[in-house]
Amino acid sequence: SDQYALGVILYECVTGRPAFRGDNVYAVLKVVGDGAFDRPSKHRADLPAAFEAVILRALEKDPANRFRDAFHMVEELERVRGLAAARRRRDGGTGAAAGFTGCAAGAWGRVDWL
């Protein structure tokens, strides 16, 4: 459940909107139960695919499809961070990886490590 909660937070952090929306609390609970939400990249086209994959895996409805534990989730986030840094170096600080700051403006602040 901790990975799932972190996935929900990361989703909102990068898109600036909650993963699960509804007109009232019951509608939101139904959406959560159904596991139906837009891919983060629908709302954030510059989101690196590898980072989106971490978020989606954390939000898997079946816990068996999530990371084995928090350590492995952090390990994957560090790998994604390394990929983004390598891409920035390769592109000379230009391109989507350079422009991606991690969090949508006004969401949860900024995460500049990606």
C-alpha atoms as a PDB file:
ATOM      1  CA  SER A   1       0.000   0.000   0.000  1.00  0.00           C
ATOM      2  CA  ASP A   2       2.935   2.365   0.569  1.00  0.00           C
ATOM      3  CA  GLN A   3       4.072   1.962  -3.031  1.00  0.00           C
ATOM      4  CA  TYR A   4       0.547   2.587  -4.224  1.00  0.00           C
ATOM      5  CA  ALA A   5       0.312   5.742  -2.113  1.00  0.00           C
ATOM      6  CA  LEU A   6       3.659   6.950  -3.451  1.00  0.00           C
ATOM      7  CA  GLY A   7       2.444   6.241  -6.985  1.00  0.00           C
ATOM      8  CA  VAL A   8      -0.641   8.381  -6.338  1.00  0.00           C
ATOM      9  CA  ILE A   9       1.555  11.206  -5.028  1.00  0.00           C
ATOM     10  CA  LEU A  10       4.022  10.940  -7.934  1.00  0.00           C
ATOM     11  CA  TYR A  11       1.129  10.977 -10.400  1.00  0.00           C
ATOM     12  CA  GLU A  12      -0.286  14.173  -8.953  1.00  0.00           C
ATOM     13  CA  CYS A  13       3.177  15.660  -8.614  1.00  0.00           C
ATOM     14  CA  VAL A  14       4.030  15.258 -12.287  1.00  0.00           C
ATOM     15  CA  THR A  15       0.606  15.949 -13.779  1.00  0.00           C
ATOM     16  CA  GLY A  16      -0.759  18.564 -11.403  1.00  0.00           C
ATOM     17  CA  ARG A  17      -3.997  16.588 -11.019  1.00  0.00           C
ATOM     18  CA  PRO A  18      -5.163  13.580  -9.039  1.00  0.00           C
ATOM     19  CA  ALA A  19      -5.003  10.197 -10.733  1.00  0.00           C
ATOM     20  CA  PHE A  20      -8.533   9.388  -9.607  1.00  0.00           C
ATOM     21  CA  ARG A  21     -11.346  11.888 -10.043  1.00  0.00           C
ATOM     22  CA  GLY A  22     -15.059  11.871  -9.421  1.00  0.00           C
ATOM     23  CA  ASP A  23     -17.984  14.099  -8.547  1.00  0.00           C
ATOM     24  CA  ASN A  24     -18.037  12.855  -4.956  1.00  0.00           C
ATOM     25  CA  VAL A  25     -16.120  10.562  -2.628  1.00  0.00           C
ATOM     26  CA  TYR A  26     -18.131   7.512  -3.721  1.00  0.00           C
ATOM     27  CA  ALA A  27     -17.412   8.157  -7.380  1.00  0.00           C
ATOM     28  CA  VAL A  28     -13.706   8.510  -6.595  1.00  0.00           C
ATOM     29  CA  LEU A  29     -13.735   5.255  -4.628  1.00  0.00           C
ATOM     30  CA  LYS A  30     -15.357   3.489  -7.588  1.00  0.00           C
ATOM     31  CA  VAL A  31     -12.677   4.826  -9.945  1.00  0.00           C
ATOM     32  CA  VAL A  32      -9.962   3.711  -7.527  1.00  0.00           C
ATOM     33  CA  GLY A  33     -11.552   0.266  -7.268  1.00  0.00           C
ATOM     34  CA  ASP A  34     -11.765  -0.022 -11.039  1.00  0.00           C
ATOM     35  CA  GLY A  35      -8.154   1.102 -11.376  1.00  0.00           C
ATOM     36  CA  ALA A  36      -9.167   3.418 -14.211  1.00  0.00           C
ATOM     37  CA  PHE A  37      -7.035   6.514 -14.754  1.00  0.00           C
ATOM     38  CA  ASP A  38      -5.300   8.328 -17.586  1.00  0.00           C
ATOM     39  CA  ARG A  39      -1.648   7.610 -18.234  1.00  0.00           C
ATOM     40  CA  PRO A  40       0.424  10.440 -16.748  1.00  0.00           C
ATOM     41  CA  SER A  41       1.898  11.224 -20.169  1.00  0.00           C
ATOM     42  CA  LYS A  42      -1.576  12.196 -21.397  1.00  0.00           C
ATOM     43  CA  HIS A  43      -1.274  15.258 -19.175  1.00  0.00           C
ATOM     44  CA  ARG A  44       2.494  15.667 -19.341  1.00  0.00           C
ATOM     45  CA  ALA A  45       3.862  14.939 -22.823  1.00  0.00           C
ATOM     46  CA  ASP A  46       7.458  15.600 -21.718  1.00  0.00           C
ATOM     47  CA  LEU A  47       7.330  12.895 -19.040  1.00  0.00           C
ATOM     48  CA  PRO A  48      10.123  10.374 -19.673  1.00  0.00           C
ATOM     49  CA  ALA A  49       8.665   6.943 -20.494  1.00  0.00           C
ATOM     50  CA  ALA A  50      10.859   5.231 -17.892  1.00  0.00           C
ATOM     51  CA  PHE A  51       9.533   7.508 -15.134  1.00  0.00           C
ATOM     52  CA  GLU A  52       5.961   6.945 -16.277  1.00  0.00           C
ATOM     53  CA  ALA A  53       6.596   3.191 -16.112  1.00  0.00           C
ATOM     54  CA  VAL A  54       7.616   3.494 -12.434  1.00  0.00           C
ATOM     55  CA  ILE A  55       4.443   5.433 -11.627  1.00  0.00           C
ATOM     56  CA  LEU A  56       2.238   2.966 -13.494  1.00  0.00           C
ATOM     57  CA  ARG A  57       3.873  -0.019 -11.818  1.00  0.00           C
ATOM     58  CA  ALA A  58       3.356   1.541  -8.381  1.00  0.00           C
ATOM     59  CA  LEU A  59      -0.319   2.074  -9.263  1.00  0.00           C
ATOM     60  CA  GLU A  60      -0.925  -1.513 -10.374  1.00  0.00           C
ATOM     61  CA  LYS A  61      -4.248  -2.733  -9.018  1.00  0.00           C
ATOM     62  CA  ASP A  62      -2.781  -6.146  -8.182  1.00  0.00           C
ATOM     63  CA  PRO A  63      -0.052  -5.751  -5.530  1.00  0.00           C
ATOM     64  CA  ALA A  64       1.784  -8.740  -7.040  1.00  0.00           C
ATOM     65  CA  ASN A  65       2.463  -6.592 -10.127  1.00  0.00           C
ATOM     66  CA  ARG A  66       4.035  -3.754  -8.120  1.00  0.00           C
ATOM     67  CA  PHE A  67       7.646  -3.571  -6.997  1.00  0.00           C
ATOM     68  CA  ARG A  68       8.774  -6.330  -4.654  1.00  0.00           C
ATOM     69  CA  ASP A  69       9.380  -3.742  -1.918  1.00  0.00           C
ATOM     70  CA  ALA A  70      10.177  -0.056  -1.403  1.00  0.00           C
ATOM     71  CA  PHE A  71      13.903  -0.694  -1.847  1.00  0.00           C
ATOM     72  CA  HIS A  72      13.336  -1.992  -5.383  1.00  0.00           C
ATOM     73  CA  MET A  73      11.069   0.950  -6.201  1.00  0.00           C
ATOM     74  CA  VAL A  74      13.746   3.410  -5.062  1.00  0.00           C
ATOM     75  CA  GLU A  75      16.347   1.436  -7.005  1.00  0.00           C
ATOM     76  CA  GLU A  76      14.266   1.827 -10.170  1.00  0.00           C
ATOM     77  CA  LEU A  77      13.744   5.546  -9.526  1.00  0.00           C
ATOM     78  CA  GLU A  78      17.524   5.926  -9.201  1.00  0.00           C
ATOM     79  CA  ARG A  79      18.006   4.053 -12.492  1.00  0.00           C
ATOM     80  CA  VAL A  80      15.508   6.393 -14.180  1.00  0.00           C
ATOM     81  CA  ARG A  81      17.324   9.367 -12.694  1.00  0.00           C
ATOM     82  CA  GLY A  82      20.591   8.097 -14.189  1.00  0.00           C
ATOM     83  CA  LEU A  83      18.972   7.648 -17.604  1.00  0.00           C
ATOM     84  CA  ALA A  84      17.670  11.216 -17.552  1.00  0.00           C
ATOM     85  CA  ALA A  85      21.067  12.585 -16.518  1.00  0.00           C
ATOM     86  CA  ALA A  86      22.801  10.624 -19.283  1.00  0.00           C
ATOM     87  CA  ARG A  87      20.276  11.902 -21.829  1.00  0.00           C
ATOM     88  CA  ARG A  88      20.882  15.505 -20.691  1.00  0.00           C
ATOM     89  CA  ARG A  89      24.646  15.037 -21.053  1.00  0.00           C
ATOM     90  CA  ARG A  90      24.219  13.435 -24.478  1.00  0.00           C
ATOM     91  CA  ASP A  91      21.902  16.183 -25.697  1.00  0.00           C
ATOM     92  CA  GLY A  92      24.020  18.959 -24.244  1.00  0.00           C
ATOM     93  CA  GLY A  93      21.261  20.007 -21.854  1.00  0.00           C
ATOM     94  CA  THR A  94      18.578  20.270 -24.541  1.00  0.00           C
ATOM     95  CA  GLY A  95      15.509  18.280 -25.438  1.00  0.00           C
ATOM     96  CA  ALA A  96      12.656  16.859 -23.408  1.00  0.00           C
ATOM     97  CA  ALA A  97      14.859  15.418 -20.673  1.00  0.00           C
ATOM     98  CA  ALA A  98      16.371  18.828 -20.003  1.00  0.00           C
ATOM     99  CA  GLY A  99      12.972  20.502 -19.942  1.00  0.00           C
ATOM    100  CA  PHE A 100      11.379  17.989 -17.591  1.00  0.00           C
ATOM    101  CA  THR A 101      11.557  19.262 -14.027  1.00  0.00           C
ATOM    102  CA  GLY A 102       9.615  16.496 -12.352  1.00  0.00           C
ATOM    103  CA  CYS A 103       6.588  18.275 -10.905  1.00  0.00           C
ATOM    104  CA  ALA A 104       3.869  20.216 -12.596  1.00  0.00           C
ATOM    105  CA  ALA A 105       3.822  23.869 -11.636  1.00  0.00           C
ATOM    106  CA  GLY A 106       1.886  24.430  -8.464  1.00  0.00           C
ATOM    107  CA  ALA A 107       1.381  20.737  -7.689  1.00  0.00           C
ATOM    108  CA  TRP A 108       3.704  19.598  -4.901  1.00  0.00           C
ATOM    109  CA  GLY A 109       6.663  21.862  -5.535  1.00  0.00           C
ATOM    110  CA  ARG A 110       9.541  20.889  -7.792  1.00  0.00           C
ATOM    111  CA  VAL A 111      11.597  17.741  -8.078  1.00  0.00           C
ATOM    112  CA  ASP A 112      14.534  18.711 -10.255  1.00  0.00           C
ATOM    113  CA  TRP A 113      16.428  15.447 -10.260  1.00  0.00           C
ATOM    114  CA  LEU A 114      14.886  14.125 -13.474  1.00  0.00           C
END
